[in-house]
Amino acid sequence: MKERLAGPQGGCRELRSFQIARLIYDLTVRFCELYIDRQSRTNDQMVQAARSGVQNIAEGSQCAGTSKKFEIKLTNVARASLEELKLDYEDFLRQRNQLLLEPNHPALLRFKEKRCSTLEEVQDWIKTERQLSSPSSVRVLPTSTLAANAALYLLNLCCYLLDRQLVSQGRAFEEEGGFTERMHRIRRDSRKC
């Protein structure tokens, strides 16, 4: 079979990491509208970090066919941006003495089971959690606490998926080489004919 010069590219919308990063972006925009001063640098930083996650996954996916180097670089930029955003959400909770939920917290377990794919589904989960809380509950979780913890869960999941993606991209580069190497192989093979 004749080797193709450009490999597969695009298709980012099918990547689970992209889907989750887009949800994180939507959630972060809404979170910042509600809980972070619009004039603050933090508001802009959080929204831009979330946007960077989505956009760099898409851009890396698109350039994959001609540059494994840039695919890996952009995937790593997305990963780094989302790690920065995780710190902002953790800071939000810490600075307001709000609860960072443990992975086995009942509310977070219910969030994981819901497998939200839209902002509306996250908002429905928050509403349901607030309704589950009653005055007799040990602690009623504020809406901002639930939203920040949902974002953190999604960020951890997305970063995990991006880590796996980076390993896969590195392996593909080792096995197939980059665009320049393919160009040389194809040119060499065409001269043999």
Protein backbone atom coordinates (compact mmCIF):
# COMPACT_ATOMS: atom_id res chain seq x y z
CA MET A 1 0.00 0.00 0.00
CA LYS A 2 1.31 3.40 -0.99
CA GLU A 3 2.08 5.72 1.93
CA ARG A 4 0.07 8.94 2.09
CA LEU A 5 1.91 12.22 2.44
CA ALA A 6 -0.55 13.76 4.89
CA GLY A 7 -1.98 11.68 7.69
CA PRO A 8 -5.47 11.94 9.15
CA GLN A 9 -6.44 15.29 10.58
CA GLY A 10 -9.42 17.05 12.08
CA GLY A 11 -12.25 15.18 13.71
CA CYS A 12 -11.75 16.92 17.05
CA ARG A 13 -15.50 16.98 17.71
CA GLU A 14 -15.41 13.20 18.13
CA LEU A 15 -12.65 13.38 20.73
CA ARG A 16 -14.00 12.95 24.25
CA SER A 17 -11.32 15.38 25.49
CA PHE A 18 -12.68 18.06 23.14
CA GLN A 19 -16.28 17.46 24.20
CA ILE A 20 -15.40 17.74 27.87
CA ALA A 21 -13.15 20.78 27.30
CA ARG A 22 -16.02 22.52 25.49
CA LEU A 23 -18.33 21.78 28.44
CA ILE A 24 -15.67 23.15 30.81
CA TYR A 25 -15.51 26.31 28.70
CA ASP A 26 -19.29 26.77 28.79
CA LEU A 27 -19.37 26.10 32.53
CA THR A 28 -16.46 28.47 33.20
CA VAL A 29 -18.03 31.32 31.23
CA ARG A 30 -21.24 30.94 33.24
CA PHE A 31 -19.35 30.49 36.54
CA CYS A 32 -17.36 33.68 35.95
CA GLU A 33 -20.52 35.60 35.03
CA LEU A 34 -22.06 34.62 38.36
CA TYR A 35 -19.18 34.47 40.85
CA ILE A 36 -16.11 36.34 39.61
CA ASP A 37 -15.97 40.13 39.28
CA ARG A 38 -16.22 40.93 35.57
CA GLN A 39 -13.53 43.58 35.88
CA SER A 40 -11.02 41.27 37.57
CA ARG A 41 -8.02 39.72 35.91
CA THR A 42 -9.12 36.36 37.32
CA ASN A 43 -12.34 36.46 35.28
CA ASP A 44 -10.44 37.02 32.06
CA GLN A 45 -7.76 34.45 32.94
CA MET A 46 -10.27 31.71 33.76
CA VAL A 47 -12.31 32.24 30.60
CA GLN A 48 -9.19 32.41 28.43
CA ALA A 49 -7.67 29.29 30.01
CA ALA A 50 -10.90 27.37 29.37
CA ARG A 51 -11.07 28.68 25.80
CA SER A 52 -7.42 27.78 25.23
CA GLY A 53 -8.15 24.20 26.26
CA VAL A 54 -10.86 23.82 23.61
CA GLN A 55 -9.14 25.77 20.84
CA ASN A 56 -5.78 24.05 21.18
CA ILE A 57 -7.33 20.58 21.10
CA ALA A 58 -9.10 21.58 17.88
CA GLU A 59 -6.02 23.19 16.34
CA GLY A 60 -3.80 20.25 17.29
CA SER A 61 -6.27 17.84 15.77
CA GLN A 62 -6.41 19.83 12.55
CA CYS A 63 -2.64 20.05 12.06
CA ALA A 64 -2.10 16.36 12.94
CA GLY A 65 -1.92 15.32 9.30
CA THR A 66 1.12 17.41 8.50
CA SER A 67 2.83 17.99 11.82
CA LYS A 68 2.91 15.52 14.69
CA LYS A 69 5.20 17.97 16.44
CA PHE A 70 2.55 20.71 16.46
CA GLU A 71 -0.21 18.25 17.27
CA ILE A 72 1.68 17.20 20.40
CA LYS A 73 2.67 20.77 21.24
CA LEU A 74 -0.90 22.09 20.96
CA THR A 75 -2.36 19.18 22.89
CA ASN A 76 0.14 19.94 25.63
CA VAL A 77 -0.80 23.65 25.57
CA ALA A 78 -4.45 22.62 26.02
CA ARG A 79 -3.44 20.38 28.93
CA ALA A 80 -1.41 23.16 30.56
CA SER A 81 -4.22 25.70 30.18
CA LEU A 82 -6.68 23.35 31.85
CA GLU A 83 -4.23 22.69 34.69
CA GLU A 84 -4.03 26.45 35.24
CA LEU A 85 -7.83 26.61 35.31
CA LYS A 86 -7.93 23.84 37.94
CA LEU A 87 -5.81 26.03 40.21
CA ASP A 88 -8.20 28.96 39.74
CA TYR A 89 -11.18 26.84 40.80
CA GLU A 90 -9.25 25.45 43.78
CA ASP A 91 -8.24 29.00 44.76
CA PHE A 92 -11.86 30.13 44.50
CA LEU A 93 -12.96 27.44 46.94
CA ARG A 94 -10.03 27.94 49.36
CA GLN A 95 -10.27 31.73 49.44
CA ARG A 96 -14.00 31.58 50.24
CA ASN A 97 -13.71 28.74 52.75
CA GLN A 98 -15.86 26.56 50.53
CA LEU A 99 -15.62 22.81 50.43
CA LEU A 100 -13.41 20.97 47.95
CA LEU A 101 -15.36 17.72 47.67
CA GLU A 102 -13.56 14.44 48.13
CA PRO A 103 -13.89 12.07 45.15
CA ASN A 104 -16.27 9.83 47.11
CA HIS A 105 -18.55 12.65 48.35
CA PRO A 106 -22.19 11.64 47.64
CA ALA A 107 -22.92 14.79 45.61
CA LEU A 108 -19.84 14.26 43.45
CA LEU A 109 -20.69 10.58 42.98
CA ARG A 110 -24.13 11.62 41.73
CA PHE A 111 -22.47 14.11 39.37
CA LYS A 112 -20.20 11.38 37.97
CA GLU A 113 -23.20 9.10 37.42
CA LYS A 114 -25.08 11.84 35.55
CA ARG A 115 -22.33 12.08 32.90
CA CYS A 116 -23.26 15.64 31.94
CA SER A 117 -22.54 16.69 28.39
CA THR A 118 -24.16 20.14 28.38
CA LEU A 119 -24.20 23.18 30.62
CA GLU A 120 -27.93 22.68 31.13
CA GLU A 121 -27.31 19.18 32.48
CA VAL A 122 -24.75 20.55 34.95
CA GLN A 123 -27.22 23.25 36.01
CA ASP A 124 -29.93 20.58 36.48
CA TRP A 125 -27.55 18.56 38.67
CA ILE A 126 -26.81 21.64 40.80
CA LYS A 127 -30.53 22.36 41.16
CA THR A 128 -31.21 18.74 42.16
CA GLU A 129 -28.37 18.77 44.71
CA ARG A 130 -29.74 21.96 46.22
CA GLN A 131 -33.18 20.35 46.48
CA LEU A 132 -31.69 17.25 48.10
CA SER A 133 -30.22 19.48 50.77
CA SER A 134 -32.63 20.41 53.48
CA PRO A 135 -32.42 22.61 56.56
CA SER A 136 -31.80 19.46 58.59
CA SER A 137 -28.78 18.53 56.45
CA VAL A 138 -25.39 18.68 58.05
CA ARG A 139 -24.26 21.26 55.51
CA VAL A 140 -26.12 22.78 52.59
CA LEU A 141 -23.64 23.25 49.76
CA PRO A 142 -23.76 26.66 48.08
CA THR A 143 -24.42 26.73 44.36
CA SER A 144 -20.93 28.14 43.74
CA THR A 145 -19.38 25.21 45.65
CA LEU A 146 -21.27 22.69 43.56
CA ALA A 147 -20.41 24.47 40.30
CA ALA A 148 -16.70 24.75 41.16
CA ASN A 149 -16.52 21.09 42.18
CA ALA A 150 -18.31 20.01 39.01
CA ALA A 151 -15.78 22.00 37.00
CA LEU A 152 -12.90 20.43 38.92
CA TYR A 153 -14.22 16.93 38.31
CA LEU A 154 -14.53 17.67 34.58
CA LEU A 155 -11.07 19.24 34.52
CA ASN A 156 -9.50 16.20 36.18
CA LEU A 157 -11.23 13.92 33.68
CA CYS A 158 -10.21 16.05 30.70
CA CYS A 159 -6.59 16.31 31.87
CA TYR A 160 -6.49 12.53 32.30
CA LEU A 161 -7.78 12.07 28.74
CA LEU A 162 -5.29 14.61 27.38
CA ASP A 163 -2.44 12.81 29.16
CA ARG A 164 -3.50 9.60 27.41
CA GLN A 165 -3.82 11.47 24.12
CA LEU A 166 -0.28 12.82 24.47
CA VAL A 167 1.08 9.31 25.08
CA SER A 168 -0.78 8.05 22.00
CA GLN A 169 0.46 10.96 19.89
CA GLY A 170 4.03 10.34 21.03
CA ARG A 171 3.75 6.66 20.16
CA ALA A 172 2.37 7.52 16.70
CA PHE A 173 5.29 9.87 16.12
CA GLU A 174 7.80 7.18 17.13
CA GLU A 175 6.19 4.61 14.84
CA GLU A 176 5.31 6.76 11.81
CA GLY A 177 7.71 9.67 12.02
CA GLY A 178 6.84 13.22 11.11
CA PHE A 179 5.73 14.91 7.93
CA THR A 180 9.28 15.62 6.71
CA GLU A 181 10.24 11.97 7.18
CA ARG A 182 7.16 10.86 5.22
CA MET A 183 8.05 13.32 2.45
CA HIS A 184 11.52 11.82 2.15
CA ARG A 185 10.22 8.23 2.17
CA ILE A 186 7.57 8.97 -0.46
CA ARG A 187 10.07 10.81 -2.65
CA ARG A 188 12.61 8.00 -2.28
CA ASP A 189 9.99 5.36 -3.09
CA SER A 190 8.76 7.29 -6.16
CA ARG A 191 12.32 7.37 -7.54
CA LYS A 192 12.56 3.59 -7.26
CA CYS A 193 9.60 3.10 -9.59
